[in-house]
């Protein structure tokens, strides 16, 4: 009896390596129409009642997100620019790519946070007044 089980197991292992199984799903449906219907129903029914409060709440959430992204971009960009300038002073080879990435990160950070930075006398991220009558 034990020999038969061993032989069956060996045959099963050989069959597993050569056979391929394909799963045919017949009962699963896409849930995208239900999600779209829910969004449209909310926009038609609930949005007129909660639109003003939601606008301010979403604005506060996105303000916090952009401030955080801007702060981290300014920290990393400032560190890269500082490292590039210090490498000039120590006469080690400077990579302009690092310096340019640092300036780009400072620009993105100042744009996200709304602060102005002077790099070599050039204001970066300064908000311009609207054109026209002041």
Protein backbone atom coordinates (compact mmCIF):
# COMPACT_ATOMS: atom_id res chain seq x y z
CA UNK A 1 0.00 0.00 0.00
CA UNK A 2 2.84 2.40 0.84
CA UNK A 3 4.51 1.72 -2.53
CA UNK A 4 1.34 2.62 -4.43
CA UNK A 5 1.11 5.99 -2.66
CA UNK A 6 4.75 6.74 -3.49
CA UNK A 7 4.19 5.84 -7.16
CA UNK A 8 1.03 7.97 -7.32
CA UNK A 9 2.87 10.92 -5.76
CA UNK A 10 5.70 10.61 -8.30
CA UNK A 11 3.21 10.50 -11.16
CA UNK A 12 1.34 13.50 -9.71
CA UNK A 13 4.56 15.53 -9.53
CA UNK A 14 5.30 14.71 -13.19
CA UNK A 15 1.78 15.65 -14.23
CA UNK A 16 1.93 18.97 -12.39
CA UNK A 17 5.01 20.07 -14.30
CA UNK A 18 3.53 19.45 -17.74
CA UNK A 19 -0.12 20.40 -17.27
CA UNK A 20 -1.35 23.96 -17.39
CA UNK A 21 -4.51 25.10 -15.71
CA UNK A 22 -6.55 28.08 -16.84
CA UNK A 23 -9.14 29.76 -14.68
CA UNK A 24 -12.26 30.87 -16.47
CA UNK A 25 -14.20 33.38 -14.43
CA UNK A 26 -17.85 33.61 -15.30
CA UNK A 27 -19.42 35.18 -12.23
CA UNK A 28 -17.21 38.19 -11.55
CA UNK A 29 -18.51 41.50 -12.88
CA UNK A 30 -16.88 44.85 -13.02
CA UNK A 31 -17.85 47.23 -10.23
CA UNK A 32 -16.99 50.37 -12.17
CA UNK A 33 -20.62 51.10 -13.20
CA UNK A 34 -21.73 50.92 -9.56
CA UNK A 35 -18.96 53.31 -8.47
CA UNK A 36 -19.82 55.76 -11.25
CA UNK A 37 -23.51 55.56 -10.37
CA UNK A 38 -22.67 56.30 -6.72
CA UNK A 39 -20.58 59.33 -7.66
CA UNK A 40 -23.29 60.72 -9.93
CA UNK A 41 -25.98 60.10 -7.28
CA UNK A 42 -23.90 61.93 -4.67
CA UNK A 43 -23.31 64.84 -7.02
CA UNK A 44 -27.01 65.15 -7.76
CA UNK A 45 -28.36 64.62 -4.23
CA UNK A 46 -25.73 65.44 -1.61
CA UNK A 47 -23.43 67.91 -3.28
CA UNK A 48 -25.81 70.91 -3.25
CA UNK A 49 -26.16 70.62 0.53
CA UNK A 50 -22.48 70.11 1.38
CA UNK A 51 -20.67 71.93 -1.44
CA UNK A 52 -19.49 75.00 0.48
CA UNK A 53 -18.22 73.11 3.52
CA UNK A 54 -16.53 70.51 1.35
CA UNK A 55 -14.80 73.21 -0.67
CA UNK A 56 -13.21 74.71 2.43
CA UNK A 57 -12.31 71.31 3.89
CA UNK A 58 -10.71 70.12 0.67
CA UNK A 59 -8.87 73.42 0.37
CA UNK A 60 -7.47 73.04 3.88
CA UNK A 61 -6.39 69.46 3.19
CA UNK A 62 -4.64 70.36 -0.07
CA UNK A 63 -3.02 73.41 1.53
CA UNK A 64 -1.47 71.19 4.20
CA UNK A 65 -0.33 68.66 1.59
CA UNK A 66 1.28 71.31 -0.63
CA UNK A 67 2.92 73.03 2.35
CA UNK A 68 4.44 69.72 3.43
CA UNK A 69 5.68 68.93 -0.08
CA UNK A 70 7.07 72.45 -0.40
CA UNK A 71 8.84 72.32 2.96
CA UNK A 72 10.54 69.02 2.17
CA UNK A 73 11.48 70.23 -1.32
CA UNK A 74 13.04 73.37 0.13
CA UNK A 75 14.99 71.38 2.74
CA UNK A 76 16.36 68.91 0.20
CA UNK A 77 17.00 71.62 -2.41
CA UNK A 78 18.79 73.83 0.11
CA UNK A 79 20.97 70.92 1.18
CA UNK A 80 21.89 70.12 -2.43
CA UNK A 81 22.73 73.74 -3.25
CA UNK A 82 24.78 74.05 -0.06
CA UNK A 83 26.71 70.87 -0.85
CA UNK A 84 27.37 72.11 -4.39
CA UNK A 85 28.63 75.52 -3.20
CA UNK A 86 30.80 73.94 -0.50
CA UNK A 87 32.31 71.57 -3.06
CA UNK A 88 33.34 74.65 -5.07
CA UNK A 89 35.11 76.08 -2.03
CA UNK A 90 36.97 72.84 -1.35
CA UNK A 91 38.02 72.62 -5.01
CA UNK A 92 36.47 69.23 -5.47
CA UNK A 93 34.76 68.53 -8.77
CA UNK A 94 31.25 69.93 -8.78
CA UNK A 95 28.40 68.27 -10.58
CA UNK A 96 26.20 70.87 -12.20
CA UNK A 97 23.40 68.32 -12.23
CA UNK A 98 23.27 68.35 -8.42
CA UNK A 99 23.28 72.14 -8.35
CA UNK A 100 20.48 72.38 -10.93
CA UNK A 101 18.37 69.76 -9.13
CA UNK A 102 18.82 71.75 -5.91
CA UNK A 103 17.68 74.96 -7.59
CA UNK A 104 14.70 73.16 -9.16
CA UNK A 105 13.70 71.75 -5.77
CA UNK A 106 14.01 75.21 -4.21
CA UNK A 107 11.77 76.59 -6.96
CA UNK A 108 9.16 73.85 -6.47
CA UNK A 109 9.28 74.35 -2.70
CA UNK A 110 8.88 78.10 -2.94
CA UNK A 111 6.01 77.66 -5.40
CA UNK A 112 4.23 75.20 -3.08
CA UNK A 113 4.70 77.24 0.10
CA UNK A 114 4.40 80.72 -1.43
CA UNK A 115 7.75 82.01 -0.13
CA UNK A 116 10.37 83.94 -2.10
CA UNK A 117 14.04 82.95 -2.17
CA UNK A 118 16.93 84.99 -3.57
CA UNK A 119 19.47 82.91 -5.45
CA UNK A 120 22.39 85.05 -6.62
CA UNK A 121 20.17 88.13 -6.52
CA UNK A 122 17.40 86.53 -8.57
CA UNK A 123 14.10 86.15 -6.70
CA UNK A 124 12.71 82.64 -7.04
CA UNK A 125 9.09 81.90 -6.22
CA UNK A 126 8.05 85.51 -5.82
CA UNK A 127 4.38 86.04 -6.52
CA UNK A 128 3.81 88.50 -9.32
CA UNK A 129 0.98 91.03 -9.10
CA UNK A 130 -1.78 90.55 -11.63
CA UNK A 131 -1.26 92.52 -14.83
CA UNK A 132 -3.35 95.61 -15.32
CA UNK A 133 -4.47 98.35 -12.95
CA UNK A 134 -2.76 98.31 -9.51
